[in-house]
């Protein structure tokens, strides 16, 4: 339950901005990043082992389903997962599906619940064939409620961002680069895509579920869901850099970026502004009176005059898209 002071702060845009800026200025970046990521870890840790395994299966299956791929496409391939969160379950799914090498990369240092992770891996292990069990046994050693990685084919690297990854791995290192709810926090989205493009091999895939909406700024208030687009860029940077806040890239950015890189791409819409749940299945084009209605359009037009200039000029269709799923194949 929020204190009275917290309730008062949540009603004031100016106070939220001020506190976010102070948070960035006063707390050392390493500690701040660690603290924010730790909150997410605590949320995930509240899930049961069964729920965690179901979530892992869902995320892995979505990567394949919406990319029109199957496990055969993974055999012998190198995979980079950006921002694995507090467990390496999705990476393990890639390993047991035939991938040659899996690297997980997280810019944050994360306090992990080793006991819970061990239970998740043991549950995943229990339903595998003997040959797949062997792959897991070669990658992870679990004992006394803790685990450690034992194989160069399966790596976890923390404290490095995707913008820095090219220096770590070099060009043409991966066949797949995947992430879920991560790219919206890239401090420099252009540098992130430059790095991914250079690391990705020809005919390789970028597969990313990307959150375009507010995240931990005004989202927990009763304010308009697009309030975060009303703050000038220089103030927004003071509020969110380098703490990992949303970079406010809308769907138009990803559309233009794929064109610039000459990728064969597909942008699926997964959520609409004001909605608490995803569209199922994800789709390339929204349908009026099915995915949105006049109330959605009214919500956007209500705040449009308050949006900063670069967002004010976007179409209603672009502004209403709050999450996307990007599938892009490198052709050259």
C-alpha atoms as a PDB file:
ATOM      1  CA  UNK A   1       0.000   0.000   0.000  1.00  0.00           C
ATOM      2  CA  UNK A   2       1.316   3.450  -0.914  1.00  0.00           C
ATOM      3  CA  UNK A   3       1.949   6.022   1.829  1.00  0.00           C
ATOM      4  CA  UNK A   4       0.093   9.331   1.783  1.00  0.00           C
ATOM      5  CA  UNK A   5       3.258  11.052   0.544  1.00  0.00           C
ATOM      6  CA  UNK A   6       3.579   8.567  -2.315  1.00  0.00           C
ATOM      7  CA  UNK A   7      -0.067   9.105  -3.208  1.00  0.00           C
ATOM      8  CA  UNK A   8       0.483  12.866  -3.357  1.00  0.00           C
ATOM      9  CA  UNK A   9       3.598  12.496  -5.516  1.00  0.00           C
ATOM     10  CA  UNK A  10       1.761  10.222  -7.936  1.00  0.00           C
ATOM     11  CA  UNK A  11      -0.766  12.970  -8.612  1.00  0.00           C
ATOM     12  CA  UNK A  12       1.856  15.531  -9.637  1.00  0.00           C
ATOM     13  CA  UNK A  13       3.694  15.282 -12.946  1.00  0.00           C
ATOM     14  CA  UNK A  14       6.181  17.936 -11.827  1.00  0.00           C
ATOM     15  CA  UNK A  15       7.017  16.100  -8.613  1.00  0.00           C
ATOM     16  CA  UNK A  16       7.526  12.817 -10.455  1.00  0.00           C
ATOM     17  CA  UNK A  17       9.872  14.537 -12.907  1.00  0.00           C
ATOM     18  CA  UNK A  18      11.810  16.186 -10.106  1.00  0.00           C
ATOM     19  CA  UNK A  19      12.213  12.963  -8.126  1.00  0.00           C
ATOM     20  CA  UNK A  20      13.276  11.008 -11.204  1.00  0.00           C
ATOM     21  CA  UNK A  21      15.958  13.606 -11.993  1.00  0.00           C
ATOM     22  CA  UNK A  22      17.173  13.584  -8.374  1.00  0.00           C
ATOM     23  CA  UNK A  23      17.275   9.810  -8.442  1.00  0.00           C
ATOM     24  CA  UNK A  24      19.515   9.906 -11.513  1.00  0.00           C
ATOM     25  CA  UNK A  25      21.795  12.584 -10.099  1.00  0.00           C
ATOM     26  CA  UNK A  26      22.200  11.316  -6.543  1.00  0.00           C
ATOM     27  CA  UNK A  27      22.428   7.545  -6.907  1.00  0.00           C
ATOM     28  CA  UNK A  28      25.567   6.131  -8.580  1.00  0.00           C
ATOM     29  CA  UNK A  29      24.625   4.513 -11.919  1.00  0.00           C
ATOM     30  CA  UNK A  30      25.770   1.019 -10.936  1.00  0.00           C
ATOM     31  CA  UNK A  31      23.740   0.988  -7.727  1.00  0.00           C
ATOM     32  CA  UNK A  32      20.739   2.530  -9.473  1.00  0.00           C
ATOM     33  CA  UNK A  33      20.744  -0.038 -12.276  1.00  0.00           C
ATOM     34  CA  UNK A  34      21.191  -2.825  -9.763  1.00  0.00           C
ATOM     35  CA  UNK A  35      18.293  -1.568  -7.657  1.00  0.00           C
ATOM     36  CA  UNK A  36      15.855  -1.224 -10.589  1.00  0.00           C
ATOM     37  CA  UNK A  37      16.684  -4.660 -11.938  1.00  0.00           C
ATOM     38  CA  UNK A  38      16.375  -6.127  -8.475  1.00  0.00           C
ATOM     39  CA  UNK A  39      12.744  -4.929  -8.311  1.00  0.00           C
ATOM     40  CA  UNK A  40      11.959  -6.872 -11.479  1.00  0.00           C
ATOM     41  CA  UNK A  41      13.695  -9.930 -10.032  1.00  0.00           C
ATOM     42  CA  UNK A  42      11.525  -9.785  -6.926  1.00  0.00           C
ATOM     43  CA  UNK A  43       8.386  -9.648  -9.071  1.00  0.00           C
ATOM     44  CA  UNK A  44       9.477 -12.675 -11.103  1.00  0.00           C
ATOM     45  CA  UNK A  45      10.521 -14.535  -7.958  1.00  0.00           C
ATOM     46  CA  UNK A  46       6.910 -14.434  -6.751  1.00  0.00           C
ATOM     47  CA  UNK A  47       5.943 -16.846  -9.532  1.00  0.00           C
ATOM     48  CA  UNK A  48       5.774 -20.551  -8.776  1.00  0.00           C
ATOM     49  CA  UNK A  49       8.157 -22.942 -10.513  1.00  0.00           C
ATOM     50  CA  UNK A  50       5.266 -24.145 -12.694  1.00  0.00           C
ATOM     51  CA  UNK A  51       4.313 -20.587 -13.662  1.00  0.00           C
ATOM     52  CA  UNK A  52       7.937 -19.748 -14.439  1.00  0.00           C
ATOM     53  CA  UNK A  53       8.343 -22.769 -16.714  1.00  0.00           C
ATOM     54  CA  UNK A  54       5.060 -21.931 -18.482  1.00  0.00           C
ATOM     55  CA  UNK A  55       6.284 -18.360 -19.038  1.00  0.00           C
ATOM     56  CA  UNK A  56       9.610 -19.632 -20.399  1.00  0.00           C
ATOM     57  CA  UNK A  57       7.803 -21.963 -22.820  1.00  0.00           C
ATOM     58  CA  UNK A  58       5.512 -19.119 -23.923  1.00  0.00           C
ATOM     59  CA  UNK A  59       8.403 -16.747 -24.652  1.00  0.00           C
ATOM     60  CA  UNK A  60      10.426 -19.343 -26.555  1.00  0.00           C
ATOM     61  CA  UNK A  61       7.435 -20.556 -28.557  1.00  0.00           C
ATOM     62  CA  UNK A  62       6.518 -16.982 -29.523  1.00  0.00           C
ATOM     63  CA  UNK A  63       9.976 -16.429 -30.996  1.00  0.00           C
ATOM     64  CA  UNK A  64       9.416 -19.380 -33.325  1.00  0.00           C
ATOM     65  CA  UNK A  65       5.683 -19.000 -33.981  1.00  0.00           C
ATOM     66  CA  UNK A  66       5.691 -15.382 -35.134  1.00  0.00           C
ATOM     67  CA  UNK A  67       8.931 -15.810 -37.095  1.00  0.00           C
ATOM     68  CA  UNK A  68       7.521 -18.804 -38.992  1.00  0.00           C
ATOM     69  CA  UNK A  69      10.509 -20.857 -37.838  1.00  0.00           C
ATOM     70  CA  UNK A  70      10.864 -24.206 -36.099  1.00  0.00           C
ATOM     71  CA  UNK A  71      13.566 -25.899 -34.064  1.00  0.00           C
ATOM     72  CA  UNK A  72      15.142 -27.178 -37.264  1.00  0.00           C
ATOM     73  CA  UNK A  73      16.122 -23.585 -38.075  1.00  0.00           C
ATOM     74  CA  UNK A  74      18.064 -23.410 -34.794  1.00  0.00           C
ATOM     75  CA  UNK A  75      20.323 -26.415 -35.299  1.00  0.00           C
ATOM     76  CA  UNK A  76      23.977 -25.456 -35.284  1.00  0.00           C
ATOM     77  CA  UNK A  77      23.196 -21.747 -34.902  1.00  0.00           C
ATOM     78  CA  UNK A  78      24.614 -19.161 -32.511  1.00  0.00           C
ATOM     79  CA  UNK A  79      22.078 -17.215 -30.452  1.00  0.00           C
ATOM     80  CA  UNK A  80      22.387 -14.001 -28.434  1.00  0.00           C
ATOM     81  CA  UNK A  81      19.632 -13.289 -25.921  1.00  0.00           C
ATOM     82  CA  UNK A  82      19.613  -9.713 -24.636  1.00  0.00           C
ATOM     83  CA  UNK A  83      18.262  -9.112 -21.131  1.00  0.00           C
ATOM     84  CA  UNK A  84      17.443 -12.653 -19.980  1.00  0.00           C
ATOM     85  CA  UNK A  85      16.026 -11.419 -16.667  1.00  0.00           C
ATOM     86  CA  UNK A  86      16.397 -13.444 -13.501  1.00  0.00           C
ATOM     87  CA  UNK A  87      16.667 -16.887 -15.104  1.00  0.00           C
ATOM     88  CA  UNK A  88      18.223 -18.492 -18.158  1.00  0.00           C
ATOM     89  CA  UNK A  89      15.283 -20.707 -19.028  1.00  0.00           C
ATOM     90  CA  UNK A  90      14.698 -19.326 -22.543  1.00  0.00           C
ATOM     91  CA  UNK A  91      18.403 -19.712 -23.309  1.00  0.00           C
ATOM     92  CA  UNK A  92      18.206 -23.334 -22.161  1.00  0.00           C
ATOM     93  CA  UNK A  93      15.287 -23.886 -24.547  1.00  0.00           C
ATOM     94  CA  UNK A  94      17.476 -22.683 -27.423  1.00  0.00           C
ATOM     95  CA  UNK A  95      20.253 -25.019 -26.290  1.00  0.00           C
ATOM     96  CA  UNK A  96      18.015 -28.091 -26.077  1.00  0.00           C
ATOM     97  CA  UNK A  97      16.488 -27.208 -29.469  1.00  0.00           C
ATOM     98  CA  UNK A  98      19.805 -27.689 -31.214  1.00  0.00           C
ATOM     99  CA  UNK A  99      21.534 -24.299 -31.092  1.00  0.00           C
ATOM    100  CA  UNK A 100      25.323 -24.501 -31.204  1.00  0.00           C
ATOM    101  CA  UNK A 101      26.049 -21.639 -28.803  1.00  0.00           C
ATOM    102  CA  UNK A 102      23.932 -19.384 -26.608  1.00  0.00           C
ATOM    103  CA  UNK A 103      25.130 -16.160 -25.019  1.00  0.00           C
ATOM    104  CA  UNK A 104      22.915 -14.178 -22.640  1.00  0.00           C
ATOM    105  CA  UNK A 105      23.811 -10.531 -22.122  1.00  0.00           C
ATOM    106  CA  UNK A 106      22.482  -8.140 -19.462  1.00  0.00           C
ATOM    107  CA  UNK A 107      23.583  -4.561 -18.903  1.00  0.00           C
ATOM    108  CA  UNK A 108      22.459  -4.822 -15.290  1.00  0.00           C
ATOM    109  CA  UNK A 109      23.991  -6.663 -12.364  1.00  0.00           C
ATOM    110  CA  UNK A 110      21.146  -8.698 -10.977  1.00  0.00           C
ATOM    111  CA  UNK A 111      20.648 -10.297  -7.600  1.00  0.00           C
ATOM    112  CA  UNK A 112      19.366 -13.734  -8.538  1.00  0.00           C
ATOM    113  CA  UNK A 113      17.517 -16.308  -6.479  1.00  0.00           C
ATOM    114  CA  UNK A 114      19.763 -19.311  -7.060  1.00  0.00           C
ATOM    115  CA  UNK A 115      17.453 -21.735  -5.299  1.00  0.00           C
ATOM    116  CA  UNK A 116      14.466 -20.744  -7.396  1.00  0.00           C
ATOM    117  CA  UNK A 117      16.503 -20.850 -10.593  1.00  0.00           C
ATOM    118  CA  UNK A 118      17.795 -24.298  -9.686  1.00  0.00           C
ATOM    119  CA  UNK A 119      14.246 -25.530  -9.153  1.00  0.00           C
ATOM    120  CA  UNK A 120      13.193 -24.101 -12.530  1.00  0.00           C
ATOM    121  CA  UNK A 121      16.076 -25.805 -14.333  1.00  0.00           C
ATOM    122  CA  UNK A 122      15.427 -29.092 -12.548  1.00  0.00           C
ATOM    123  CA  UNK A 123      11.764 -28.963 -13.593  1.00  0.00           C
ATOM    124  CA  UNK A 124      12.721 -28.218 -17.200  1.00  0.00           C
ATOM    125  CA  UNK A 125      15.306 -30.999 -17.078  1.00  0.00           C
ATOM    126  CA  UNK A 126      12.806 -33.579 -15.805  1.00  0.00           C
ATOM    127  CA  UNK A 127      10.687 -33.580 -18.989  1.00  0.00           C
ATOM    128  CA  UNK A 128      13.547 -33.735 -21.495  1.00  0.00           C
ATOM    129  CA  UNK A 129      14.716 -36.710 -23.527  1.00  0.00           C
ATOM    130  CA  UNK A 130      17.970 -38.332 -22.420  1.00  0.00           C
ATOM    131  CA  UNK A 131      19.940 -36.678 -25.208  1.00  0.00           C
ATOM    132  CA  UNK A 132      18.621 -33.238 -24.285  1.00  0.00           C
ATOM    133  CA  UNK A 133      19.233 -33.876 -20.577  1.00  0.00           C
ATOM    134  CA  UNK A 134      22.853 -34.462 -21.456  1.00  0.00           C
ATOM    135  CA  UNK A 135      23.065 -31.044 -23.138  1.00  0.00           C
ATOM    136  CA  UNK A 136      21.726 -29.347 -20.003  1.00  0.00           C
ATOM    137  CA  UNK A 137      24.004 -31.392 -17.735  1.00  0.00           C
ATOM    138  CA  UNK A 138      26.997 -30.254 -19.786  1.00  0.00           C
ATOM    139  CA  UNK A 139      25.936 -26.601 -19.546  1.00  0.00           C
ATOM    140  CA  UNK A 140      24.733 -26.230 -15.937  1.00  0.00           C
ATOM    141  CA  UNK A 141      25.825 -27.909 -12.720  1.00  0.00           C
ATOM    142  CA  UNK A 142      23.222 -27.815  -9.949  1.00  0.00           C
ATOM    143  CA  UNK A 143      24.106 -28.754  -6.389  1.00  0.00           C
ATOM    144  CA  UNK A 144      22.953 -27.764  -2.911  1.00  0.00           C
ATOM    145  CA  UNK A 145      20.342 -25.359  -4.242  1.00  0.00           C
ATOM    146  CA  UNK A 146      22.765 -23.354  -6.378  1.00  0.00           C
ATOM    147  CA  UNK A 147      24.073 -23.591  -9.923  1.00  0.00           C
ATOM    148  CA  UNK A 148      26.951 -22.523 -12.124  1.00  0.00           C
ATOM    149  CA  UNK A 149      27.620 -22.620 -15.845  1.00  0.00           C
ATOM    150  CA  UNK A 150      30.200 -25.151 -16.983  1.00  0.00           C
ATOM    151  CA  UNK A 151      30.268 -24.971 -20.774  1.00  0.00           C
ATOM    152  CA  UNK A 152      31.553 -22.345 -23.213  1.00  0.00           C
ATOM    153  CA  UNK A 153      28.531 -23.086 -25.413  1.00  0.00           C
ATOM    154  CA  UNK A 154      26.302 -21.501 -22.757  1.00  0.00           C
ATOM    155  CA  UNK A 155      27.376 -18.132 -21.337  1.00  0.00           C
ATOM    156  CA  UNK A 156      25.937 -15.394 -19.155  1.00  0.00           C
ATOM    157  CA  UNK A 157      27.546 -11.939 -19.271  1.00  0.00           C
ATOM    158  CA  UNK A 158      26.367  -9.055 -17.067  1.00  0.00           C
ATOM    159  CA  UNK A 159      27.353  -5.417 -16.835  1.00  0.00           C
ATOM    160  CA  UNK A 160      27.528  -4.921 -20.616  1.00  0.00           C
ATOM    161  CA  UNK A 161      24.894  -3.285 -22.808  1.00  0.00           C
ATOM    162  CA  UNK A 162      23.930  -4.247 -26.333  1.00  0.00           C
ATOM    163  CA  UNK A 163      25.589  -1.011 -27.494  1.00  0.00           C
ATOM    164  CA  UNK A 164      28.890  -2.408 -26.159  1.00  0.00           C
ATOM    165  CA  UNK A 165      28.388  -5.982 -27.384  1.00  0.00           C
ATOM    166  CA  UNK A 166      30.146  -5.561 -30.731  1.00  0.00           C
ATOM    167  CA  UNK A 167      33.446  -5.003 -28.921  1.00  0.00           C
ATOM    168  CA  UNK A 168      32.876  -8.245 -26.996  1.00  0.00           C
ATOM    169  CA  UNK A 169      31.859 -10.584 -29.801  1.00  0.00           C
ATOM    170  CA  UNK A 170      32.965  -9.000 -33.073  1.00  0.00           C
ATOM    171  CA  UNK A 171      31.200  -9.060 -36.437  1.00  0.00           C
ATOM    172  CA  UNK A 172      29.182 -11.992 -37.826  1.00  0.00           C
ATOM    173  CA  UNK A 173      29.034 -13.754 -34.461  1.00  0.00           C
ATOM    174  CA  UNK A 174      25.345 -14.716 -34.282  1.00  0.00           C
ATOM    175  CA  UNK A 175      22.536 -16.160 -36.367  1.00  0.00           C
ATOM    176  CA  UNK A 176      19.769 -15.013 -34.014  1.00  0.00           C
ATOM    177  CA  UNK A 177      19.562 -12.015 -31.670  1.00  0.00           C
ATOM    178  CA  UNK A 178      16.449 -12.043 -29.495  1.00  0.00           C
ATOM    179  CA  UNK A 179      14.973 -10.075 -26.613  1.00  0.00           C
ATOM    180  CA  UNK A 180      11.744  -9.425 -24.764  1.00  0.00           C
ATOM    181  CA  UNK A 181      10.865  -6.034 -23.216  1.00  0.00           C
ATOM    182  CA  UNK A 182      14.493  -4.888 -23.397  1.00  0.00           C
ATOM    183  CA  UNK A 183      15.144  -2.622 -26.395  1.00  0.00           C
ATOM    184  CA  UNK A 184      12.861   0.101 -25.035  1.00  0.00           C
ATOM    185  CA  UNK A 185      15.551   0.715 -22.392  1.00  0.00           C
ATOM    186  CA  UNK A 186      18.519   0.989 -24.759  1.00  0.00           C
ATOM    187  CA  UNK A 187      20.093   4.362 -23.980  1.00  0.00           C
ATOM    188  CA  UNK A 188      21.181   4.743 -27.612  1.00  0.00           C
ATOM    189  CA  UNK A 189      18.819   2.828 -29.900  1.00  0.00           C
ATOM    190  CA  UNK A 190      20.798   3.700 -33.045  1.00  0.00           C
ATOM    191  CA  UNK A 191      24.005   2.348 -31.499  1.00  0.00           C
ATOM    192  CA  UNK A 192      22.129  -0.765 -30.349  1.00  0.00           C
ATOM    193  CA  UNK A 193      20.926  -1.529 -33.877  1.00  0.00           C
ATOM    194  CA  UNK A 194      24.352  -0.769 -35.345  1.00  0.00           C
ATOM    195  CA  UNK A 195      25.868  -3.281 -32.936  1.00  0.00           C
ATOM    196  CA  UNK A 196      23.223  -5.950 -33.635  1.00  0.00           C
ATOM    197  CA  UNK A 197      23.497  -5.474 -37.396  1.00  0.00           C
ATOM    198  CA  UNK A 198      27.271  -5.931 -37.335  1.00  0.00           C
ATOM    199  CA  UNK A 199      27.091  -9.001 -35.064  1.00  0.00           C
ATOM    200  CA  UNK A 200      24.348 -10.663 -37.101  1.00  0.00           C
ATOM    201  CA  UNK A 201      25.332 -12.991 -39.927  1.00  0.00           C
ATOM    202  CA  UNK A 202      23.778 -12.837 -43.385  1.00  0.00           C
ATOM    203  CA  UNK A 203      20.327 -14.501 -43.355  1.00  0.00           C
ATOM    204  CA  UNK A 204      20.281 -14.129 -39.574  1.00  0.00           C
ATOM    205  CA  UNK A 205      17.263 -12.915 -37.607  1.00  0.00           C
ATOM    206  CA  UNK A 206      16.484 -10.145 -35.147  1.00  0.00           C
ATOM    207  CA  UNK A 207      13.443 -11.161 -33.077  1.00  0.00           C
ATOM    208  CA  UNK A 208      12.350  -8.694 -30.424  1.00  0.00           C
ATOM    209  CA  UNK A 209       9.216  -8.067 -28.422  1.00  0.00           C
ATOM    210  CA  UNK A 210       9.399  -4.322 -27.742  1.00  0.00           C
ATOM    211  CA  UNK A 211       7.468  -2.263 -25.221  1.00  0.00           C
ATOM    212  CA  UNK A 212       6.609   1.196 -26.599  1.00  0.00           C
ATOM    213  CA  UNK A 213       4.504   2.384 -23.658  1.00  0.00           C
ATOM    214  CA  UNK A 214       5.477   4.095 -20.446  1.00  0.00           C
ATOM    215  CA  UNK A 215       7.393   1.999 -17.946  1.00  0.00           C
ATOM    216  CA  UNK A 216       7.847   2.911 -14.274  1.00  0.00           C
ATOM    217  CA  UNK A 217       7.557   6.675 -14.812  1.00  0.00           C
ATOM    218  CA  UNK A 218       3.960   7.899 -15.013  1.00  0.00           C
ATOM    219  CA  UNK A 219       2.508   4.440 -15.685  1.00  0.00           C
ATOM    220  CA  UNK A 220       1.530   3.753 -12.065  1.00  0.00           C
ATOM    221  CA  UNK A 221      -0.489   6.952 -11.796  1.00  0.00           C
ATOM    222  CA  UNK A 222      -3.979   7.871 -12.933  1.00  0.00           C
ATOM    223  CA  UNK A 223      -2.513  10.126 -15.626  1.00  0.00           C
ATOM    224  CA  UNK A 224      -3.089   9.688 -19.340  1.00  0.00           C
ATOM    225  CA  UNK A 225      -1.110   6.667 -20.674  1.00  0.00           C
ATOM    226  CA  UNK A 226       0.703   8.931 -23.155  1.00  0.00           C
ATOM    227  CA  UNK A 227       1.762  11.479 -20.525  1.00  0.00           C
ATOM    228  CA  UNK A 228       5.364  10.298 -20.900  1.00  0.00           C
ATOM    229  CA  UNK A 229       5.354  11.694 -24.465  1.00  0.00           C
ATOM    230  CA  UNK A 230       4.581  15.216 -23.243  1.00  0.00           C
ATOM    231  CA  UNK A 231       7.970  15.786 -21.581  1.00  0.00           C
ATOM    232  CA  UNK A 232      10.671  17.598 -23.613  1.00  0.00           C
ATOM    233  CA  UNK A 233      13.559  15.387 -24.746  1.00  0.00           C
ATOM    234  CA  UNK A 234      16.253  17.083 -22.663  1.00  0.00           C
ATOM    235  CA  UNK A 235      14.193  16.706 -19.475  1.00  0.00           C
ATOM    236  CA  UNK A 236      13.321  13.107 -20.320  1.00  0.00           C
ATOM    237  CA  UNK A 237      17.021  12.302 -20.671  1.00  0.00           C
ATOM    238  CA  UNK A 238      17.696  13.796 -17.238  1.00  0.00           C
ATOM    239  CA  UNK A 239      14.912  11.592 -15.861  1.00  0.00           C
ATOM    240  CA  UNK A 240      15.876   8.288 -17.455  1.00  0.00           C
ATOM    241  CA  UNK A 241      19.545   8.220 -18.442  1.00  0.00           C
ATOM    242  CA  UNK A 242      21.357   6.013 -17.489  1.00  0.00           C
ATOM    243  CA  UNK A 243      18.801   4.294 -15.246  1.00  0.00           C
ATOM    244  CA  UNK A 244      17.195   2.262 -18.019  1.00  0.00           C
ATOM    245  CA  UNK A 245      13.931   4.138 -18.485  1.00  0.00           C
ATOM    246  CA  UNK A 246      11.967   4.022 -21.761  1.00  0.00           C
ATOM    247  CA  UNK A 247      13.739   5.601 -24.729  1.00  0.00           C
ATOM    248  CA  UNK A 248      10.363   6.659 -26.239  1.00  0.00           C
ATOM    249  CA  UNK A 249      10.962   5.114 -29.653  1.00  0.00           C
ATOM    250  CA  UNK A 250       7.571   4.592 -31.318  1.00  0.00           C
ATOM    251  CA  UNK A 251       6.719   2.154 -34.094  1.00  0.00           C
ATOM    252  CA  UNK A 252       7.746   4.668 -36.776  1.00  0.00           C
ATOM    253  CA  UNK A 253      11.342   4.479 -35.523  1.00  0.00           C
ATOM    254  CA  UNK A 254      11.535   0.700 -35.964  1.00  0.00           C
ATOM    255  CA  UNK A 255       9.813   0.885 -39.332  1.00  0.00           C
ATOM    256  CA  UNK A 256      12.384   3.388 -40.620  1.00  0.00           C
ATOM    257  CA  UNK A 257      15.316   1.575 -38.996  1.00  0.00           C
ATOM    258  CA  UNK A 258      14.503  -1.680 -40.785  1.00  0.00           C
ATOM    259  CA  UNK A 259      14.237   0.189 -44.089  1.00  0.00           C
ATOM    260  CA  UNK A 260      17.564   1.897 -43.441  1.00  0.00           C
ATOM    261  CA  UNK A 261      19.266  -1.454 -42.723  1.00  0.00           C
ATOM    262  CA  UNK A 262      17.607  -3.117 -45.750  1.00  0.00           C
ATOM    263  CA  UNK A 263      16.159  -5.931 -43.665  1.00  0.00           C
ATOM    264  CA  UNK A 264      13.220  -8.053 -44.708  1.00  0.00           C
ATOM    265  CA  UNK A 265      11.003  -7.258 -41.750  1.00  0.00           C
ATOM    266  CA  UNK A 266       7.602  -7.609 -40.191  1.00  0.00           C
ATOM    267  CA  UNK A 267       6.206  -5.497 -37.353  1.00  0.00           C
ATOM    268  CA  UNK A 268       3.395  -7.169 -35.465  1.00  0.00           C
ATOM    269  CA  UNK A 269       1.228  -5.145 -33.095  1.00  0.00           C
ATOM    270  CA  UNK A 270       0.836  -6.773 -29.694  1.00  0.00           C
ATOM    271  CA  UNK A 271      -0.966  -4.155 -27.604  1.00  0.00           C
ATOM    272  CA  UNK A 272      -3.001  -0.958 -27.968  1.00  0.00           C
ATOM    273  CA  UNK A 273      -2.820   2.106 -25.728  1.00  0.00           C
ATOM    274  CA  UNK A 274      -5.139   1.918 -22.735  1.00  0.00           C
ATOM    275  CA  UNK A 275      -5.345  -1.879 -22.855  1.00  0.00           C
ATOM    276  CA  UNK A 276      -4.082  -4.079 -20.016  1.00  0.00           C
ATOM    277  CA  UNK A 277      -3.623  -7.169 -22.167  1.00  0.00           C
ATOM    278  CA  UNK A 278      -2.032  -8.244 -25.438  1.00  0.00           C
ATOM    279  CA  UNK A 279      -3.833  -8.717 -28.728  1.00  0.00           C
ATOM    280  CA  UNK A 280      -4.007 -12.431 -29.543  1.00  0.00           C
ATOM    281  CA  UNK A 281      -2.751 -13.387 -32.016  1.00  0.00           C
ATOM    282  CA  UNK A 282      -0.403 -10.521 -32.803  1.00  0.00           C
ATOM    283  CA  UNK A 283      -1.205  -8.800 -36.093  1.00  0.00           C
ATOM    284  CA  UNK A 284       0.312  -6.439 -38.658  1.00  0.00           C
ATOM    285  CA  UNK A 285      -2.741  -4.190 -38.958  1.00  0.00           C
ATOM    286  CA  UNK A 286      -5.257  -3.121 -36.354  1.00  0.00           C
ATOM    287  CA  UNK A 287      -8.949  -3.489 -37.061  1.00  0.00           C
ATOM    288  CA  UNK A 288     -11.397  -0.734 -36.141  1.00  0.00           C
ATOM    289  CA  UNK A 289     -14.094  -1.792 -33.641  1.00  0.00           C
ATOM    290  CA  UNK A 290     -12.145  -4.993 -32.961  1.00  0.00           C
ATOM    291  CA  UNK A 291      -8.759  -3.863 -31.640  1.00  0.00           C
ATOM    292  CA  UNK A 292      -9.671  -0.237 -30.995  1.00  0.00           C
ATOM    293  CA  UNK A 293     -12.684   2.046 -31.224  1.00  0.00           C
ATOM    294  CA  UNK A 294     -13.718   5.697 -31.045  1.00  0.00           C
ATOM    295  CA  UNK A 295     -12.778   5.901 -27.376  1.00  0.00           C
ATOM    296  CA  UNK A 296      -9.188   4.989 -28.280  1.00  0.00           C
ATOM    297  CA  UNK A 297      -9.071   7.700 -30.945  1.00  0.00           C
ATOM    298  CA  UNK A 298     -10.613  10.230 -28.546  1.00  0.00           C
ATOM    299  CA  UNK A 299      -8.019   9.356 -25.913  1.00  0.00           C
ATOM    300  CA  UNK A 300      -5.220  10.129 -28.370  1.00  0.00           C
ATOM    301  CA  UNK A 301      -6.721  13.347 -29.697  1.00  0.00           C
ATOM    302  CA  UNK A 302      -7.342  14.528 -26.142  1.00  0.00           C
ATOM    303  CA  UNK A 303      -3.621  14.580 -25.366  1.00  0.00           C
ATOM    304  CA  UNK A 304      -2.211  15.326 -28.829  1.00  0.00           C
ATOM    305  CA  UNK A 305      -1.896  19.128 -28.250  1.00  0.00           C
ATOM    306  CA  UNK A 306       0.250  18.415 -25.165  1.00  0.00           C
ATOM    307  CA  UNK A 307       2.637  16.006 -26.873  1.00  0.00           C
ATOM    308  CA  UNK A 308       6.127  17.177 -27.765  1.00  0.00           C
ATOM    309  CA  UNK A 309       6.510  18.162 -31.409  1.00  0.00           C
ATOM    310  CA  UNK A 310       7.965  14.910 -32.765  1.00  0.00           C
ATOM    311  CA  UNK A 311       5.165  12.837 -31.237  1.00  0.00           C
ATOM    312  CA  UNK A 312       2.399  15.324 -32.034  1.00  0.00           C
ATOM    313  CA  UNK A 313       2.953  14.759 -35.761  1.00  0.00           C
ATOM    314  CA  UNK A 314       2.511  10.970 -35.576  1.00  0.00           C
ATOM    315  CA  UNK A 315      -0.673   9.407 -36.866  1.00  0.00           C
ATOM    316  CA  UNK A 316      -3.318   8.191 -34.443  1.00  0.00           C
ATOM    317  CA  UNK A 317      -2.644   4.656 -35.667  1.00  0.00           C
ATOM    318  CA  UNK A 318       1.025   4.907 -34.694  1.00  0.00           C
ATOM    319  CA  UNK A 319       0.348   6.560 -31.350  1.00  0.00           C
ATOM    320  CA  UNK A 320      -2.154   3.910 -30.300  1.00  0.00           C
ATOM    321  CA  UNK A 321       0.394   1.101 -30.715  1.00  0.00           C
ATOM    322  CA  UNK A 322       1.947   0.464 -27.324  1.00  0.00           C
ATOM    323  CA  UNK A 323       3.862  -2.811 -27.918  1.00  0.00           C
ATOM    324  CA  UNK A 324       5.243  -4.557 -31.001  1.00  0.00           C
ATOM    325  CA  UNK A 325       6.925  -7.792 -32.060  1.00  0.00           C
ATOM    326  CA  UNK A 326       9.741  -7.268 -34.576  1.00  0.00           C
ATOM    327  CA  UNK A 327      10.925 -10.043 -36.882  1.00  0.00           C
ATOM    328  CA  UNK A 328      13.702  -9.007 -39.271  1.00  0.00           C
ATOM    329  CA  UNK A 329      15.958 -11.031 -41.562  1.00  0.00           C
ATOM    330  CA  UNK A 330      19.340  -9.695 -42.646  1.00  0.00           C
ATOM    331  CA  UNK A 331      19.613 -10.022 -46.409  1.00  0.00           C
ATOM    332  CA  UNK A 332      23.093  -8.621 -47.077  1.00  0.00           C
END
